[in-house]
Amino acid sequence: MVLRIPRTSVSNSVPSLSRMEANVVVLGADNVGKSALTVRFLTRRFIGEYGDIESVYSHILTVAGTEVALNIWDSPYAQDRLNQNCAKEKQIKWADGFVLVYSICDQASFNIVRQHIQLIKSMKGYPGTDKAPIVIVGNKWDLRHRRTVSSEEGRLLALATDCDFCEISAAETYHGVLLVFHGLVDRIKESKMLTIRKTAGIKGIVRSVSAVFMRKRTNSL
């Protein structure tokens, strides 16, 4: 089962991209299934046990007509606060989008996702409820009989922070994992397009001001 919340559609005036590169970081507490989710997406296979391995994977996929060169950074959760902060800062600066994973059987892991959202929005310039390319993933839906985090808590957090949200079981289904990454790529694409539009708008204003200045200067001569 996959639970998702709808997102507001973007104006059709946003230009399209035929090719795009995107850097994605998968963050979350220990034992929430970060590596299992990542490997499931890349290989369609589920592997239940992983060591403390840090990896950056490259993958090519097509989403809504756009060819995407996707780089995925999966790393263990650092228990030492100093190392944890240094690692997060490096990852957040590198990333275009974020998969924040918690276990629906672990309230503490959900609280860590809250902290990650605040840090990401602060560092990437997405204050308050401004949109950011983030998907919140409640993993281990197959263990829902042991649930300690309700679906409502996940949905409310996503709505309050304008993130995507879904509950999945990386162990049970590939389709849910695929939706996570495809949805995130959509948000990254929107973010890049909005940046292009803003940059083009600023350049247009600069050109207009320069043209007015040149006309005034010419008339004064």
C-alpha atoms as a PDB file:
ATOM      1  CA  MET A   1       0.000   0.000   0.000  1.00  0.00           C
ATOM      2  CA  VAL A   2       1.206   3.518  -0.830  1.00  0.00           C
ATOM      3  CA  LEU A   3      -0.248   6.606   0.855  1.00  0.00           C
ATOM      4  CA  ARG A   4       0.430   9.944  -0.808  1.00  0.00           C
ATOM      5  CA  ILE A   5      -0.736  13.526  -0.457  1.00  0.00           C
ATOM      6  CA  PRO A   6      -1.574  15.634  -3.528  1.00  0.00           C
ATOM      7  CA  ARG A   7       0.575  18.568  -4.569  1.00  0.00           C
ATOM      8  CA  THR A   8      -0.366  21.861  -6.160  1.00  0.00           C
ATOM      9  CA  SER A   9       0.256  21.774  -9.892  1.00  0.00           C
ATOM     10  CA  VAL A  10       2.784  24.115 -11.488  1.00  0.00           C
ATOM     11  CA  SER A  11       1.800  26.613 -14.161  1.00  0.00           C
ATOM     12  CA  ASN A  12       2.077  25.437 -17.759  1.00  0.00           C
ATOM     13  CA  SER A  13       4.208  28.504 -18.434  1.00  0.00           C
ATOM     14  CA  VAL A  14       7.172  26.686 -16.867  1.00  0.00           C
ATOM     15  CA  PRO A  15       9.480  25.553 -19.713  1.00  0.00           C
ATOM     16  CA  SER A  16      10.313  21.882 -20.139  1.00  0.00           C
ATOM     17  CA  LEU A  17      13.663  20.142 -19.855  1.00  0.00           C
ATOM     18  CA  SER A  18      14.729  17.300 -22.124  1.00  0.00           C
ATOM     19  CA  ARG A  19      17.807  16.443 -20.018  1.00  0.00           C
ATOM     20  CA  MET A  20      18.685  17.104 -16.408  1.00  0.00           C
ATOM     21  CA  GLU A  21      21.201  16.081 -13.769  1.00  0.00           C
ATOM     22  CA  ALA A  22      19.969  15.783 -10.176  1.00  0.00           C
ATOM     23  CA  ASN A  23      21.760  15.052  -6.914  1.00  0.00           C
ATOM     24  CA  VAL A  24      19.674  13.313  -4.254  1.00  0.00           C
ATOM     25  CA  VAL A  25      20.545  12.586  -0.624  1.00  0.00           C
ATOM     26  CA  VAL A  26      18.785   9.848   1.347  1.00  0.00           C
ATOM     27  CA  LEU A  27      18.700  10.799   5.042  1.00  0.00           C
ATOM     28  CA  GLY A  28      17.296   9.178   8.150  1.00  0.00           C
ATOM     29  CA  ALA A  29      18.090   7.431  11.421  1.00  0.00           C
ATOM     30  CA  ASP A  30      19.710   4.002  11.670  1.00  0.00           C
ATOM     31  CA  ASN A  31      17.660   0.937  10.704  1.00  0.00           C
ATOM     32  CA  VAL A  32      14.861   2.794   8.914  1.00  0.00           C
ATOM     33  CA  GLY A  33      15.641   1.205   5.534  1.00  0.00           C
ATOM     34  CA  LYS A  34      17.540   3.956   3.690  1.00  0.00           C
ATOM     35  CA  SER A  35      19.911   1.600   1.880  1.00  0.00           C
ATOM     36  CA  ALA A  36      17.194  -0.985   1.288  1.00  0.00           C
ATOM     37  CA  LEU A  37      15.012   1.680  -0.326  1.00  0.00           C
ATOM     38  CA  THR A  38      17.864   2.991  -2.488  1.00  0.00           C
ATOM     39  CA  VAL A  39      19.000  -0.431  -3.697  1.00  0.00           C
ATOM     40  CA  ARG A  40      15.394  -1.498  -4.293  1.00  0.00           C
ATOM     41  CA  PHE A  41      14.978   1.511  -6.604  1.00  0.00           C
ATOM     42  CA  LEU A  42      18.231   0.857  -8.469  1.00  0.00           C
ATOM     43  CA  THR A  43      18.004  -2.934  -8.834  1.00  0.00           C
ATOM     44  CA  ARG A  44      14.347  -3.855  -8.021  1.00  0.00           C
ATOM     45  CA  ARG A  45      15.782  -6.286  -5.452  1.00  0.00           C
ATOM     46  CA  PHE A  46      15.242  -6.115  -1.698  1.00  0.00           C
ATOM     47  CA  ILE A  47      18.244  -6.734   0.565  1.00  0.00           C
ATOM     48  CA  GLY A  48      17.435  -6.675   4.247  1.00  0.00           C
ATOM     49  CA  GLU A  49      20.837  -6.249   5.892  1.00  0.00           C
ATOM     50  CA  TYR A  50      23.473  -3.578   5.244  1.00  0.00           C
ATOM     51  CA  GLY A  51      26.621  -2.475   7.007  1.00  0.00           C
ATOM     52  CA  ASP A  52      27.698   1.113   7.636  1.00  0.00           C
ATOM     53  CA  ILE A  53      28.501   1.764   3.990  1.00  0.00           C
ATOM     54  CA  GLU A  54      28.541   5.212   2.381  1.00  0.00           C
ATOM     55  CA  SER A  55      27.856   5.148  -1.352  1.00  0.00           C
ATOM     56  CA  VAL A  56      27.006   7.476  -4.212  1.00  0.00           C
ATOM     57  CA  TYR A  57      25.089   5.717  -6.991  1.00  0.00           C
ATOM     58  CA  SER A  58      24.488   6.940 -10.544  1.00  0.00           C
ATOM     59  CA  HIS A  59      21.337   6.025 -12.442  1.00  0.00           C
ATOM     60  CA  ILE A  60      19.669   7.151 -15.672  1.00  0.00           C
ATOM     61  CA  LEU A  61      15.886   7.315 -15.857  1.00  0.00           C
ATOM     62  CA  THR A  62      13.192   9.102 -17.829  1.00  0.00           C
ATOM     63  CA  VAL A  63      10.462  11.011 -16.007  1.00  0.00           C
ATOM     64  CA  ALA A  64       7.681  12.832 -17.891  1.00  0.00           C
ATOM     65  CA  GLY A  65       9.781  13.059 -21.043  1.00  0.00           C
ATOM     66  CA  THR A  66      12.935  14.258 -19.299  1.00  0.00           C
ATOM     67  CA  GLU A  67      16.089  12.143 -19.252  1.00  0.00           C
ATOM     68  CA  VAL A  68      17.533  12.403 -15.770  1.00  0.00           C
ATOM     69  CA  ALA A  69      21.095  11.573 -14.701  1.00  0.00           C
ATOM     70  CA  LEU A  70      20.414  10.832 -11.047  1.00  0.00           C
ATOM     71  CA  ASN A  71      23.167  10.734  -8.419  1.00  0.00           C
ATOM     72  CA  ILE A  72      22.019   9.245  -5.091  1.00  0.00           C
ATOM     73  CA  TRP A  73      24.072   9.676  -1.907  1.00  0.00           C
ATOM     74  CA  ASP A  74      23.262   7.074   0.738  1.00  0.00           C
ATOM     75  CA  SER A  75      25.194   7.213   3.993  1.00  0.00           C
ATOM     76  CA  PRO A  76      24.868   5.818   7.539  1.00  0.00           C
ATOM     77  CA  TYR A  77      23.500   8.024  10.307  1.00  0.00           C
ATOM     78  CA  ALA A  78      26.383   9.534  12.310  1.00  0.00           C
ATOM     79  CA  GLN A  79      25.847   9.121  16.055  1.00  0.00           C
ATOM     80  CA  ASP A  80      28.582  11.606  16.962  1.00  0.00           C
ATOM     81  CA  ARG A  81      26.984  15.078  16.844  1.00  0.00           C
ATOM     82  CA  LEU A  82      30.046  16.881  15.434  1.00  0.00           C
ATOM     83  CA  ASN A  83      30.571  14.348  12.642  1.00  0.00           C
ATOM     84  CA  GLN A  84      26.830  14.269  12.050  1.00  0.00           C
ATOM     85  CA  ASN A  85      26.599  18.037  11.559  1.00  0.00           C
ATOM     86  CA  CYS A  86      29.639  18.162   9.270  1.00  0.00           C
ATOM     87  CA  ALA A  87      28.329  15.308   7.132  1.00  0.00           C
ATOM     88  CA  LYS A  88      24.854  16.799   6.866  1.00  0.00           C
ATOM     89  CA  GLU A  89      26.163  20.220   5.861  1.00  0.00           C
ATOM     90  CA  LYS A  90      28.218  18.688   3.060  1.00  0.00           C
ATOM     91  CA  GLN A  91      25.304  16.537   1.862  1.00  0.00           C
ATOM     92  CA  ILE A  92      22.742  19.345   1.962  1.00  0.00           C
ATOM     93  CA  LYS A  93      24.965  21.725  -0.006  1.00  0.00           C
ATOM     94  CA  TRP A  94      25.533  19.026  -2.647  1.00  0.00           C
ATOM     95  CA  ALA A  95      21.927  17.917  -3.044  1.00  0.00           C
ATOM     96  CA  ASP A  96      19.131  19.157  -5.301  1.00  0.00           C
ATOM     97  CA  GLY A  97      16.557  16.994  -3.532  1.00  0.00           C
ATOM     98  CA  PHE A  98      16.077  14.902  -0.421  1.00  0.00           C
ATOM     99  CA  VAL A  99      14.480  11.584   0.561  1.00  0.00           C
ATOM    100  CA  LEU A 100      13.864  11.683   4.321  1.00  0.00           C
ATOM    101  CA  VAL A 101      13.140   8.202   5.639  1.00  0.00           C
ATOM    102  CA  TYR A 102      11.694   7.118   8.980  1.00  0.00           C
ATOM    103  CA  SER A 103      10.277   3.863  10.272  1.00  0.00           C
ATOM    104  CA  ILE A 104       6.567   3.921  11.091  1.00  0.00           C
ATOM    105  CA  CYS A 105       7.550   1.699  14.036  1.00  0.00           C
ATOM    106  CA  ASP A 106       9.993   4.232  15.498  1.00  0.00           C
ATOM    107  CA  GLN A 107       8.811   7.618  16.768  1.00  0.00           C
ATOM    108  CA  ALA A 108      12.386   8.808  17.363  1.00  0.00           C
ATOM    109  CA  SER A 109      13.220   8.330  13.683  1.00  0.00           C
ATOM    110  CA  PHE A 110      10.193  10.472  12.765  1.00  0.00           C
ATOM    111  CA  ASN A 111      11.459  13.233  15.059  1.00  0.00           C
ATOM    112  CA  ILE A 112      14.809  13.129  13.262  1.00  0.00           C
ATOM    113  CA  VAL A 113      13.005  13.754   9.966  1.00  0.00           C
ATOM    114  CA  ARG A 114      11.475  16.917  11.495  1.00  0.00           C
ATOM    115  CA  GLN A 115      14.981  18.112  12.381  1.00  0.00           C
ATOM    116  CA  HIS A 116      16.264  17.346   8.896  1.00  0.00           C
ATOM    117  CA  ILE A 117      13.503  19.396   7.261  1.00  0.00           C
ATOM    118  CA  GLN A 118      14.288  22.428   9.410  1.00  0.00           C
ATOM    119  CA  LEU A 119      18.008  22.160   8.660  1.00  0.00           C
ATOM    120  CA  ILE A 120      17.521  21.668   4.915  1.00  0.00           C
ATOM    121  CA  LYS A 121      15.142  24.616   4.562  1.00  0.00           C
ATOM    122  CA  SER A 122      17.445  26.828   6.573  1.00  0.00           C
ATOM    123  CA  MET A 123      20.594  25.925   4.621  1.00  0.00           C
ATOM    124  CA  LYS A 124      18.996  25.845   1.168  1.00  0.00           C
ATOM    125  CA  GLY A 125      17.031  29.076   1.558  1.00  0.00           C
ATOM    126  CA  TYR A 126      13.547  27.583   1.871  1.00  0.00           C
ATOM    127  CA  PRO A 127      12.249  29.383   4.984  1.00  0.00           C
ATOM    128  CA  GLY A 128       8.891  28.719   6.606  1.00  0.00           C
ATOM    129  CA  THR A 129       6.552  26.693   4.408  1.00  0.00           C
ATOM    130  CA  ASP A 130       8.240  27.529   1.087  1.00  0.00           C
ATOM    131  CA  LYS A 131       8.375  24.599  -1.310  1.00  0.00           C
ATOM    132  CA  ALA A 132      11.488  22.421  -1.284  1.00  0.00           C
ATOM    133  CA  PRO A 133      12.325  19.233  -3.234  1.00  0.00           C
ATOM    134  CA  ILE A 134      11.752  16.912  -0.263  1.00  0.00           C
ATOM    135  CA  VAL A 135       9.789  13.679   0.026  1.00  0.00           C
ATOM    136  CA  ILE A 136       9.054  12.262   3.471  1.00  0.00           C
ATOM    137  CA  VAL A 137       8.931   8.460   3.442  1.00  0.00           C
ATOM    138  CA  GLY A 138       7.370   6.352   6.165  1.00  0.00           C
ATOM    139  CA  ASN A 139       8.962   2.944   5.579  1.00  0.00           C
ATOM    140  CA  LYS A 140       8.142  -0.537   6.910  1.00  0.00           C
ATOM    141  CA  TRP A 141       4.430  -0.482   6.146  1.00  0.00           C
ATOM    142  CA  ASP A 142       4.606  -4.285   6.184  1.00  0.00           C
ATOM    143  CA  LEU A 143       5.143  -3.955   9.983  1.00  0.00           C
ATOM    144  CA  ARG A 144       2.127  -1.665  10.492  1.00  0.00           C
ATOM    145  CA  HIS A 145       0.852  -3.889  13.309  1.00  0.00           C
ATOM    146  CA  ARG A 146       3.798  -2.454  15.294  1.00  0.00           C
ATOM    147  CA  ARG A 147       3.155   1.117  14.187  1.00  0.00           C
ATOM    148  CA  THR A 148       4.004   3.982  16.578  1.00  0.00           C
ATOM    149  CA  VAL A 149       3.794   6.828  14.026  1.00  0.00           C
ATOM    150  CA  SER A 150       0.343   7.308  12.499  1.00  0.00           C
ATOM    151  CA  SER A 151      -0.246   8.116   8.839  1.00  0.00           C
ATOM    152  CA  GLU A 152      -1.922  11.324   9.986  1.00  0.00           C
ATOM    153  CA  GLU A 153       1.296  12.506  11.670  1.00  0.00           C
ATOM    154  CA  GLY A 154       3.224  12.017   8.448  1.00  0.00           C
ATOM    155  CA  ARG A 155       0.586  13.757   6.322  1.00  0.00           C
ATOM    156  CA  LEU A 156       0.341  16.724   8.682  1.00  0.00           C
ATOM    157  CA  LEU A 157       4.113  17.188   8.744  1.00  0.00           C
ATOM    158  CA  ALA A 158       4.214  17.104   4.942  1.00  0.00           C
ATOM    159  CA  LEU A 159       1.357  19.586   4.623  1.00  0.00           C
ATOM    160  CA  ALA A 160       2.903  21.948   7.181  1.00  0.00           C
ATOM    161  CA  THR A 161       6.268  21.973   5.392  1.00  0.00           C
ATOM    162  CA  ASP A 162       5.032  21.599   1.768  1.00  0.00           C
ATOM    163  CA  CYS A 163       6.823  18.298   1.214  1.00  0.00           C
ATOM    164  CA  ASP A 164       5.655  15.155  -0.542  1.00  0.00           C
ATOM    165  CA  PHE A 165       4.705  12.234   1.680  1.00  0.00           C
ATOM    166  CA  CYS A 166       4.148   8.524   1.243  1.00  0.00           C
ATOM    167  CA  GLU A 167       4.130   5.338   3.300  1.00  0.00           C
ATOM    168  CA  ILE A 168       5.720   2.321   1.677  1.00  0.00           C
ATOM    169  CA  SER A 169       7.269  -1.053   2.324  1.00  0.00           C
ATOM    170  CA  ALA A 170      10.637  -1.306   0.594  1.00  0.00           C
ATOM    171  CA  ALA A 171      10.542  -4.992   1.521  1.00  0.00           C
ATOM    172  CA  GLU A 172       7.215  -5.718  -0.164  1.00  0.00           C
ATOM    173  CA  THR A 173       6.964  -3.583  -3.284  1.00  0.00           C
ATOM    174  CA  TYR A 174       9.137  -1.936  -5.903  1.00  0.00           C
ATOM    175  CA  HIS A 175       6.307   0.243  -7.223  1.00  0.00           C
ATOM    176  CA  GLY A 176       6.066   2.341  -4.058  1.00  0.00           C
ATOM    177  CA  VAL A 177       9.813   2.980  -4.070  1.00  0.00           C
ATOM    178  CA  LEU A 178       9.643   3.995  -7.737  1.00  0.00           C
ATOM    179  CA  LEU A 179       6.936   6.560  -6.907  1.00  0.00           C
ATOM    180  CA  VAL A 180       9.187   8.082  -4.244  1.00  0.00           C
ATOM    181  CA  PHE A 181      12.038   8.839  -6.633  1.00  0.00           C
ATOM    182  CA  HIS A 182       9.868   9.808  -9.610  1.00  0.00           C
ATOM    183  CA  GLY A 183       7.911  12.213  -7.423  1.00  0.00           C
ATOM    184  CA  LEU A 184      11.111  13.744  -6.092  1.00  0.00           C
ATOM    185  CA  VAL A 185      12.524  14.160  -9.604  1.00  0.00           C
ATOM    186  CA  ASP A 186       9.339  16.042 -10.544  1.00  0.00           C
ATOM    187  CA  ARG A 187       9.871  18.424  -7.648  1.00  0.00           C
ATOM    188  CA  ILE A 188      13.542  18.938  -8.501  1.00  0.00           C
ATOM    189  CA  LYS A 189      12.574  19.700 -12.101  1.00  0.00           C
ATOM    190  CA  GLU A 190      10.002  22.253 -10.939  1.00  0.00           C
ATOM    191  CA  SER A 191      12.573  23.843  -8.640  1.00  0.00           C
ATOM    192  CA  LYS A 192      15.146  24.124 -11.428  1.00  0.00           C
ATOM    193  CA  MET A 193      12.567  25.606 -13.811  1.00  0.00           C
ATOM    194  CA  LEU A 194      11.489  28.202 -11.275  1.00  0.00           C
ATOM    195  CA  THR A 195      15.125  29.134 -10.740  1.00  0.00           C
ATOM    196  CA  ILE A 196      15.564  29.560 -14.509  1.00  0.00           C
ATOM    197  CA  ARG A 197      12.454  31.749 -14.679  1.00  0.00           C
ATOM    198  CA  LYS A 198      13.612  33.905 -11.768  1.00  0.00           C
ATOM    199  CA  THR A 199      17.072  34.297 -13.302  1.00  0.00           C
ATOM    200  CA  ALA A 200      15.565  35.211 -16.675  1.00  0.00           C
ATOM    201  CA  GLY A 201      13.269  37.733 -14.954  1.00  0.00           C
ATOM    202  CA  ILE A 202      16.152  39.391 -13.141  1.00  0.00           C
ATOM    203  CA  LYS A 203      18.185  39.582 -16.349  1.00  0.00           C
ATOM    204  CA  GLY A 204      15.188  41.114 -18.117  1.00  0.00           C
ATOM    205  CA  ILE A 205      14.859  43.792 -15.434  1.00  0.00           C
ATOM    206  CA  VAL A 206      18.572  44.567 -15.651  1.00  0.00           C
ATOM    207  CA  ARG A 207      18.338  44.895 -19.446  1.00  0.00           C
ATOM    208  CA  SER A 208      15.299  47.187 -19.150  1.00  0.00           C
ATOM    209  CA  VAL A 209      16.981  49.417 -16.587  1.00  0.00           C
ATOM    210  CA  SER A 210      20.150  49.527 -18.695  1.00  0.00           C
ATOM    211  CA  ALA A 211      18.126  50.458 -21.800  1.00  0.00           C
ATOM    212  CA  VAL A 212      16.357  53.315 -19.955  1.00  0.00           C
ATOM    213  CA  PHE A 213      19.679  54.570 -18.591  1.00  0.00           C
ATOM    214  CA  MET A 214      21.240  54.507 -22.076  1.00  0.00           C
ATOM    215  CA  ARG A 215      18.272  56.394 -23.576  1.00  0.00           C
ATOM    216  CA  LYS A 216      18.513  59.091 -20.908  1.00  0.00           C
ATOM    217  CA  ARG A 217      22.245  59.349 -21.440  1.00  0.00           C
ATOM    218  CA  THR A 218      21.813  59.611 -25.226  1.00  0.00           C
ATOM    219  CA  ASN A 219      19.132  62.296 -24.900  1.00  0.00           C
ATOM    220  CA  SER A 220      21.327  64.350 -22.623  1.00  0.00           C
ATOM    221  CA  LEU A 221      24.161  64.469 -25.132  1.00  0.00           C
END
